[in-house]
Amino acid sequence: MSSSLTARERVRAELTREIVDVARRQLAVDGASGLSLRAVAREMGMASSAIYRYFPSRDDLLTTLIIDGYNAIGEVVENADAAVPRTDHAGRWLAVCHAVRDWALAHPHEYALLYGSPVPGYRAPQDTVPAAVRDTVVYGRIVSDAHRAGALNPPGEHPPVPPSFHEDAARLRELIPGVPDNVVVRGLIAWTGLFGWISFELFGQFNNAILDRTAAFEHTMRCHAAILGLPA
């Protein structure tokens, strides 16, 4: 009985993964808004009623795709950071930036699902949060390590942090622990700048404007490192 149940669970897991793979291919054709359980079932040769035993709704399938995407980008960021010496904070930052961009260029439709326009009618559940912050935790650790080591030396003076931001900074310190508010702000500038660049590149805003995008990306991320105070 036990071995039979294990086999049944294995078959269910394999079929669930196949459904997700088909849905991921559908993203590339129709986008997240066009994702359809019936279309996935049709491509797999399943009865449309059968697929609802695996995913009760389109939103459940979207949530799985989103969690998978966040975990994938989190894994490449963790691996990139782990490959650089701990005291090379600027090198760790650049490695993470390139890992995010490389993943996004290789998986543009999944990136669009995570960081593009919201899917109409979909509201991400709390289940997505642990996966969503995996890459941010790594980035926050780099900034925290650099601050603790006294390695952050930002150029010049920055405008004072507005009082209204202090409460926000306190929340963000869960991801960038042990740093003052002005470091949190610079961290936000750098992190959002990374994703802003990638989104511009993937969604066509650099077309006919920036030709050598890899070199421009490298330079821009070094500029963000300078804003953070990381040495060149």
C-alpha atoms as a PDB file:
ATOM      1  CA  MET A   1       0.000   0.000   0.000  1.00  0.00           C
ATOM      2  CA  SER A   2       2.800   2.348   0.970  1.00  0.00           C
ATOM      3  CA  SER A   3       4.820   1.697  -2.208  1.00  0.00           C
ATOM      4  CA  SER A   4       1.653   2.079  -4.317  1.00  0.00           C
ATOM      5  CA  LEU A   5       0.929   5.434  -2.688  1.00  0.00           C
ATOM      6  CA  THR A   6       4.521   6.556  -3.256  1.00  0.00           C
ATOM      7  CA  ALA A   7       4.274   5.642  -6.932  1.00  0.00           C
ATOM      8  CA  ARG A   8       1.005   7.543  -7.212  1.00  0.00           C
ATOM      9  CA  GLU A   9       2.572  10.593  -5.611  1.00  0.00           C
ATOM     10  CA  ARG A  10       5.499  10.357  -7.998  1.00  0.00           C
ATOM     11  CA  VAL A  11       3.200  10.250 -11.009  1.00  0.00           C
ATOM     12  CA  ARG A  12       1.267  13.224  -9.682  1.00  0.00           C
ATOM     13  CA  ALA A  13       4.467  15.204  -9.157  1.00  0.00           C
ATOM     14  CA  GLU A  14       5.669  14.420 -12.678  1.00  0.00           C
ATOM     15  CA  LEU A  15       2.353  15.418 -14.204  1.00  0.00           C
ATOM     16  CA  THR A  16       2.261  18.608 -12.148  1.00  0.00           C
ATOM     17  CA  ARG A  17       5.717  19.507 -13.419  1.00  0.00           C
ATOM     18  CA  GLU A  18       4.644  18.813 -16.998  1.00  0.00           C
ATOM     19  CA  ILE A  19       1.646  21.113 -16.570  1.00  0.00           C
ATOM     20  CA  VAL A  20       3.951  23.861 -15.291  1.00  0.00           C
ATOM     21  CA  ASP A  21       6.373  23.365 -18.192  1.00  0.00           C
ATOM     22  CA  VAL A  22       3.550  23.622 -20.733  1.00  0.00           C
ATOM     23  CA  ALA A  23       2.244  26.735 -18.980  1.00  0.00           C
ATOM     24  CA  ARG A  24       5.720  28.264 -19.087  1.00  0.00           C
ATOM     25  CA  ARG A  25       5.838  27.725 -22.850  1.00  0.00           C
ATOM     26  CA  GLN A  26       2.385  29.285 -23.101  1.00  0.00           C
ATOM     27  CA  LEU A  27       3.734  32.394 -21.356  1.00  0.00           C
ATOM     28  CA  ALA A  28       6.117  32.909 -24.268  1.00  0.00           C
ATOM     29  CA  VAL A  29       3.241  32.867 -26.757  1.00  0.00           C
ATOM     30  CA  ASP A  30       0.303  34.491 -25.001  1.00  0.00           C
ATOM     31  CA  GLY A  31       1.802  36.206 -21.960  1.00  0.00           C
ATOM     32  CA  ALA A  32       0.559  35.830 -18.404  1.00  0.00           C
ATOM     33  CA  SER A  33      -2.794  37.436 -19.210  1.00  0.00           C
ATOM     34  CA  GLY A  34      -3.452  34.795 -21.848  1.00  0.00           C
ATOM     35  CA  LEU A  35      -2.580  31.833 -19.641  1.00  0.00           C
ATOM     36  CA  SER A  36      -5.417  29.311 -19.756  1.00  0.00           C
ATOM     37  CA  LEU A  37      -5.848  26.036 -17.899  1.00  0.00           C
ATOM     38  CA  ARG A  38      -8.036  24.754 -20.725  1.00  0.00           C
ATOM     39  CA  ALA A  39      -5.330  25.532 -23.292  1.00  0.00           C
ATOM     40  CA  VAL A  40      -2.717  23.777 -21.173  1.00  0.00           C
ATOM     41  CA  ALA A  41      -4.975  20.746 -20.803  1.00  0.00           C
ATOM     42  CA  ARG A  42      -5.611  20.710 -24.545  1.00  0.00           C
ATOM     43  CA  GLU A  43      -1.892  20.736 -25.354  1.00  0.00           C
ATOM     44  CA  MET A  44      -1.324  17.876 -22.912  1.00  0.00           C
ATOM     45  CA  GLY A  45      -4.232  15.840 -24.235  1.00  0.00           C
ATOM     46  CA  MET A  46      -6.007  15.987 -20.875  1.00  0.00           C
ATOM     47  CA  ALA A  47      -9.663  16.535 -20.238  1.00  0.00           C
ATOM     48  CA  SER A  48     -10.105  20.130 -19.083  1.00  0.00           C
ATOM     49  CA  SER A  49     -11.851  18.866 -15.960  1.00  0.00           C
ATOM     50  CA  ALA A  50      -8.826  16.719 -15.041  1.00  0.00           C
ATOM     51  CA  ILE A  51      -6.354  19.603 -14.854  1.00  0.00           C
ATOM     52  CA  TYR A  52      -8.381  21.242 -12.081  1.00  0.00           C
ATOM     53  CA  ARG A  53      -7.368  18.373  -9.801  1.00  0.00           C
ATOM     54  CA  TYR A  54      -3.824  19.697 -10.028  1.00  0.00           C
ATOM     55  CA  PHE A  55      -4.494  23.422 -10.200  1.00  0.00           C
ATOM     56  CA  PRO A  56      -7.946  24.515  -9.028  1.00  0.00           C
ATOM     57  CA  SER A  57      -7.632  27.853 -10.850  1.00  0.00           C
ATOM     58  CA  ARG A  58      -5.477  29.811 -13.255  1.00  0.00           C
ATOM     59  CA  ASP A  59      -4.227  31.868 -10.309  1.00  0.00           C
ATOM     60  CA  ASP A  60      -2.913  28.731  -8.604  1.00  0.00           C
ATOM     61  CA  LEU A  61      -0.924  27.916 -11.725  1.00  0.00           C
ATOM     62  CA  LEU A  62       0.336  31.503 -11.978  1.00  0.00           C
ATOM     63  CA  THR A  63       1.454  31.370  -8.352  1.00  0.00           C
ATOM     64  CA  THR A  64       3.467  28.221  -9.030  1.00  0.00           C
ATOM     65  CA  LEU A  65       5.101  29.843 -12.066  1.00  0.00           C
ATOM     66  CA  ILE A  66       5.927  32.945 -10.022  1.00  0.00           C
ATOM     67  CA  ILE A  67       7.425  30.984  -7.139  1.00  0.00           C
ATOM     68  CA  ASP A  68       9.467  28.877  -9.559  1.00  0.00           C
ATOM     69  CA  GLY A  69      10.735  32.017 -11.268  1.00  0.00           C
ATOM     70  CA  TYR A  70      11.729  33.744  -8.046  1.00  0.00           C
ATOM     71  CA  ASN A  71      13.478  30.595  -6.819  1.00  0.00           C
ATOM     72  CA  ALA A  72      15.353  30.283 -10.103  1.00  0.00           C
ATOM     73  CA  ILE A  73      16.649  33.846  -9.976  1.00  0.00           C
ATOM     74  CA  GLY A  74      17.370  33.475  -6.261  1.00  0.00           C
ATOM     75  CA  GLU A  75      19.462  30.388  -6.906  1.00  0.00           C
ATOM     76  CA  VAL A  76      21.607  31.989  -9.619  1.00  0.00           C
ATOM     77  CA  VAL A  77      22.183  35.032  -7.401  1.00  0.00           C
ATOM     78  CA  GLU A  78      23.177  32.872  -4.427  1.00  0.00           C
ATOM     79  CA  ASN A  79      25.588  30.887  -6.600  1.00  0.00           C
ATOM     80  CA  ALA A  80      27.100  34.026  -8.108  1.00  0.00           C
ATOM     81  CA  ASP A  81      27.697  35.559  -4.696  1.00  0.00           C
ATOM     82  CA  ALA A  82      29.162  32.344  -3.282  1.00  0.00           C
ATOM     83  CA  ALA A  83      31.756  32.224  -6.079  1.00  0.00           C
ATOM     84  CA  VAL A  84      33.397  35.521  -5.031  1.00  0.00           C
ATOM     85  CA  PRO A  85      35.625  36.023  -1.933  1.00  0.00           C
ATOM     86  CA  ARG A  86      33.616  37.388   1.017  1.00  0.00           C
ATOM     87  CA  THR A  87      35.788  40.477   1.401  1.00  0.00           C
ATOM     88  CA  ASP A  88      35.455  41.486  -2.282  1.00  0.00           C
ATOM     89  CA  HIS A  89      32.203  43.360  -1.760  1.00  0.00           C
ATOM     90  CA  ALA A  90      32.300  45.198  -5.101  1.00  0.00           C
ATOM     91  CA  GLY A  91      33.072  41.939  -6.897  1.00  0.00           C
ATOM     92  CA  ARG A  92      30.139  40.265  -5.168  1.00  0.00           C
ATOM     93  CA  TRP A  93      27.822  43.119  -6.194  1.00  0.00           C
ATOM     94  CA  LEU A  94      28.923  42.957  -9.835  1.00  0.00           C
ATOM     95  CA  ALA A  95      28.634  39.165  -9.895  1.00  0.00           C
ATOM     96  CA  VAL A  96      25.079  39.374  -8.577  1.00  0.00           C
ATOM     97  CA  CYS A  97      24.148  42.066 -11.103  1.00  0.00           C
ATOM     98  CA  HIS A  98      25.431  40.014 -14.030  1.00  0.00           C
ATOM     99  CA  ALA A  99      23.704  36.892 -12.717  1.00  0.00           C
ATOM    100  CA  VAL A 100      20.342  38.679 -12.619  1.00  0.00           C
ATOM    101  CA  ARG A 101      20.802  40.121 -16.117  1.00  0.00           C
ATOM    102  CA  ASP A 102      22.004  36.822 -17.595  1.00  0.00           C
ATOM    103  CA  TRP A 103      19.011  34.994 -16.137  1.00  0.00           C
ATOM    104  CA  ALA A 104      16.602  37.652 -17.384  1.00  0.00           C
ATOM    105  CA  LEU A 105      18.018  37.573 -20.927  1.00  0.00           C
ATOM    106  CA  ALA A 106      17.760  33.776 -20.958  1.00  0.00           C
ATOM    107  CA  HIS A 107      14.204  33.784 -19.522  1.00  0.00           C
ATOM    108  CA  PRO A 108      12.562  37.012 -20.740  1.00  0.00           C
ATOM    109  CA  HIS A 109       8.969  35.818 -20.409  1.00  0.00           C
ATOM    110  CA  GLU A 110       9.484  34.597 -16.859  1.00  0.00           C
ATOM    111  CA  TYR A 111      11.206  37.879 -16.003  1.00  0.00           C
ATOM    112  CA  ALA A 112       8.219  39.746 -17.433  1.00  0.00           C
ATOM    113  CA  LEU A 113       5.905  37.680 -15.250  1.00  0.00           C
ATOM    114  CA  LEU A 114       7.905  38.623 -12.151  1.00  0.00           C
ATOM    115  CA  TYR A 115       8.808  42.243 -12.894  1.00  0.00           C
ATOM    116  CA  GLY A 116       6.570  43.360 -15.742  1.00  0.00           C
ATOM    117  CA  SER A 117       3.022  44.677 -15.739  1.00  0.00           C
ATOM    118  CA  PRO A 118       0.700  43.135 -13.120  1.00  0.00           C
ATOM    119  CA  VAL A 119      -1.593  40.395 -14.397  1.00  0.00           C
ATOM    120  CA  PRO A 120      -5.173  41.757 -14.390  1.00  0.00           C
ATOM    121  CA  GLY A 121      -7.261  40.132 -11.687  1.00  0.00           C
ATOM    122  CA  TYR A 122      -4.339  38.298 -10.068  1.00  0.00           C
ATOM    123  CA  ARG A 123      -3.284  38.999  -6.503  1.00  0.00           C
ATOM    124  CA  ALA A 124      -0.095  37.260  -5.383  1.00  0.00           C
ATOM    125  CA  PRO A 125      -0.546  35.330  -2.129  1.00  0.00           C
ATOM    126  CA  GLN A 126       1.831  35.478   0.819  1.00  0.00           C
ATOM    127  CA  ASP A 127       3.264  32.154  -0.369  1.00  0.00           C
ATOM    128  CA  THR A 128       5.323  34.010  -2.969  1.00  0.00           C
ATOM    129  CA  VAL A 129       7.228  36.180  -0.469  1.00  0.00           C
ATOM    130  CA  PRO A 130       9.989  33.772   0.703  1.00  0.00           C
ATOM    131  CA  ALA A 131      10.972  33.011  -2.885  1.00  0.00           C
ATOM    132  CA  ALA A 132      10.634  36.663  -3.942  1.00  0.00           C
ATOM    133  CA  VAL A 133      13.205  37.910  -1.419  1.00  0.00           C
ATOM    134  CA  ARG A 134      15.868  35.233  -1.953  1.00  0.00           C
ATOM    135  CA  ASP A 135      17.912  37.438  -4.279  1.00  0.00           C
ATOM    136  CA  THR A 136      17.300  40.549  -2.167  1.00  0.00           C
ATOM    137  CA  VAL A 137      18.586  38.766   0.942  1.00  0.00           C
ATOM    138  CA  VAL A 138      21.871  38.086  -0.860  1.00  0.00           C
ATOM    139  CA  TYR A 139      22.151  41.693  -1.975  1.00  0.00           C
ATOM    140  CA  GLY A 140      21.334  42.934   1.510  1.00  0.00           C
ATOM    141  CA  ARG A 141      24.028  40.673   2.945  1.00  0.00           C
ATOM    142  CA  ILE A 142      26.640  42.170   0.607  1.00  0.00           C
ATOM    143  CA  VAL A 143      25.759  45.709   1.712  1.00  0.00           C
ATOM    144  CA  SER A 144      25.633  44.717   5.388  1.00  0.00           C
ATOM    145  CA  ASP A 145      28.977  42.905   5.174  1.00  0.00           C
ATOM    146  CA  ALA A 146      30.588  45.912   3.497  1.00  0.00           C
ATOM    147  CA  HIS A 147      29.162  48.311   6.091  1.00  0.00           C
ATOM    148  CA  ARG A 148      30.290  46.117   8.982  1.00  0.00           C
ATOM    149  CA  ALA A 149      33.795  45.902   7.479  1.00  0.00           C
ATOM    150  CA  GLY A 150      33.980  49.699   7.102  1.00  0.00           C
ATOM    151  CA  ALA A 151      34.268  49.273   3.327  1.00  0.00           C
ATOM    152  CA  LEU A 152      31.495  51.697   2.328  1.00  0.00           C
ATOM    153  CA  ASN A 153      32.890  55.090   1.351  1.00  0.00           C
ATOM    154  CA  PRO A 154      30.288  56.938  -0.721  1.00  0.00           C
ATOM    155  CA  PRO A 155      31.499  59.945  -2.703  1.00  0.00           C
ATOM    156  CA  GLY A 156      30.458  63.387  -1.543  1.00  0.00           C
ATOM    157  CA  GLU A 157      27.382  64.380   0.412  1.00  0.00           C
ATOM    158  CA  HIS A 158      23.880  63.100  -0.225  1.00  0.00           C
ATOM    159  CA  PRO A 159      20.631  64.904   0.609  1.00  0.00           C
ATOM    160  CA  PRO A 160      19.407  64.139   4.116  1.00  0.00           C
ATOM    161  CA  VAL A 161      16.987  61.249   4.482  1.00  0.00           C
ATOM    162  CA  PRO A 162      13.428  62.597   4.885  1.00  0.00           C
ATOM    163  CA  PRO A 163      11.867  61.841   8.280  1.00  0.00           C
ATOM    164  CA  SER A 164       8.974  60.033   6.614  1.00  0.00           C
ATOM    165  CA  PHE A 165      11.416  57.396   5.327  1.00  0.00           C
ATOM    166  CA  HIS A 166      12.675  56.282   8.750  1.00  0.00           C
ATOM    167  CA  GLU A 167       9.785  53.872   9.278  1.00  0.00           C
ATOM    168  CA  ASP A 168      10.274  52.400   5.814  1.00  0.00           C
ATOM    169  CA  ALA A 169      14.003  52.028   6.452  1.00  0.00           C
ATOM    170  CA  ALA A 170      13.263  50.118   9.653  1.00  0.00           C
ATOM    171  CA  ARG A 171      11.227  47.601   7.662  1.00  0.00           C
ATOM    172  CA  LEU A 172      13.871  47.316   4.946  1.00  0.00           C
ATOM    173  CA  ARG A 173      16.527  46.587   7.556  1.00  0.00           C
ATOM    174  CA  GLU A 174      15.032  43.106   7.790  1.00  0.00           C
ATOM    175  CA  LEU A 175      16.703  42.579   4.407  1.00  0.00           C
ATOM    176  CA  ILE A 176      19.716  44.893   4.879  1.00  0.00           C
ATOM    177  CA  PRO A 177      20.439  44.418   8.599  1.00  0.00           C
ATOM    178  CA  GLY A 178      22.658  46.623  10.690  1.00  0.00           C
ATOM    179  CA  VAL A 179      22.940  49.632   8.389  1.00  0.00           C
ATOM    180  CA  PRO A 180      21.802  53.254   8.933  1.00  0.00           C
ATOM    181  CA  ASP A 181      19.002  54.865   6.964  1.00  0.00           C
ATOM    182  CA  ASN A 182      21.287  56.628   4.491  1.00  0.00           C
ATOM    183  CA  VAL A 183      22.840  53.271   3.513  1.00  0.00           C
ATOM    184  CA  VAL A 184      19.360  51.808   3.073  1.00  0.00           C
ATOM    185  CA  VAL A 185      18.557  54.653   0.662  1.00  0.00           C
ATOM    186  CA  ARG A 186      21.720  54.118  -1.361  1.00  0.00           C
ATOM    187  CA  GLY A 187      20.969  50.420  -1.402  1.00  0.00           C
ATOM    188  CA  LEU A 188      17.539  51.121  -2.860  1.00  0.00           C
ATOM    189  CA  ILE A 189      19.061  53.326  -5.551  1.00  0.00           C
ATOM    190  CA  ALA A 190      21.447  50.579  -6.594  1.00  0.00           C
ATOM    191  CA  TRP A 191      18.990  47.663  -6.434  1.00  0.00           C
ATOM    192  CA  THR A 192      16.168  49.401  -8.257  1.00  0.00           C
ATOM    193  CA  GLY A 193      18.706  50.718 -10.760  1.00  0.00           C
ATOM    194  CA  LEU A 194      19.712  47.142 -11.557  1.00  0.00           C
ATOM    195  CA  PHE A 195      16.152  46.058 -12.298  1.00  0.00           C
ATOM    196  CA  GLY A 196      15.359  49.312 -14.066  1.00  0.00           C
ATOM    197  CA  TRP A 197      18.236  48.721 -16.478  1.00  0.00           C
ATOM    198  CA  ILE A 198      17.223  45.108 -17.136  1.00  0.00           C
ATOM    199  CA  SER A 199      13.587  46.052 -17.706  1.00  0.00           C
ATOM    200  CA  PHE A 200      14.579  48.801 -20.142  1.00  0.00           C
ATOM    201  CA  GLU A 201      16.792  46.347 -22.015  1.00  0.00           C
ATOM    202  CA  LEU A 202      14.245  43.527 -22.173  1.00  0.00           C
ATOM    203  CA  PHE A 203      11.229  45.684 -22.977  1.00  0.00           C
ATOM    204  CA  GLY A 204      12.904  47.553 -25.845  1.00  0.00           C
ATOM    205  CA  GLN A 205      13.614  50.993 -24.400  1.00  0.00           C
ATOM    206  CA  PHE A 206      17.288  50.745 -25.405  1.00  0.00           C
ATOM    207  CA  ASN A 207      16.568  49.770 -29.013  1.00  0.00           C
ATOM    208  CA  ASN A 208      18.491  51.955 -31.497  1.00  0.00           C
ATOM    209  CA  ALA A 209      20.104  53.768 -28.582  1.00  0.00           C
ATOM    210  CA  ILE A 210      22.596  51.512 -26.769  1.00  0.00           C
ATOM    211  CA  LEU A 211      24.461  49.037 -28.950  1.00  0.00           C
ATOM    212  CA  ASP A 212      27.096  47.517 -26.653  1.00  0.00           C
ATOM    213  CA  ARG A 213      24.714  46.816 -23.812  1.00  0.00           C
ATOM    214  CA  THR A 214      26.991  44.474 -21.894  1.00  0.00           C
ATOM    215  CA  ALA A 215      29.713  47.124 -21.584  1.00  0.00           C
ATOM    216  CA  ALA A 216      27.170  49.821 -20.728  1.00  0.00           C
ATOM    217  CA  PHE A 217      25.569  47.546 -18.140  1.00  0.00           C
ATOM    218  CA  GLU A 218      28.929  46.795 -16.513  1.00  0.00           C
ATOM    219  CA  HIS A 219      29.780  50.497 -16.316  1.00  0.00           C
ATOM    220  CA  THR A 220      26.344  51.424 -14.950  1.00  0.00           C
ATOM    221  CA  MET A 221      26.533  48.768 -12.239  1.00  0.00           C
ATOM    222  CA  ARG A 222      29.999  50.054 -11.288  1.00  0.00           C
ATOM    223  CA  CYS A 223      28.468  53.522 -10.986  1.00  0.00           C
ATOM    224  CA  HIS A 224      25.794  52.108  -8.690  1.00  0.00           C
ATOM    225  CA  ALA A 225      28.537  50.438  -6.662  1.00  0.00           C
ATOM    226  CA  ALA A 226      30.179  53.857  -6.306  1.00  0.00           C
ATOM    227  CA  ILE A 227      26.887  55.333  -5.092  1.00  0.00           C
ATOM    228  CA  LEU A 228      26.774  52.568  -2.495  1.00  0.00           C
ATOM    229  CA  GLY A 229      30.339  53.422  -1.525  1.00  0.00           C
ATOM    230  CA  LEU A 230      31.916  50.207  -2.736  1.00  0.00           C
ATOM    231  CA  PRO A 231      35.480  50.585  -4.074  1.00  0.00           C
ATOM    232  CA  ALA A 232      36.005  50.233  -7.807  1.00  0.00           C
END
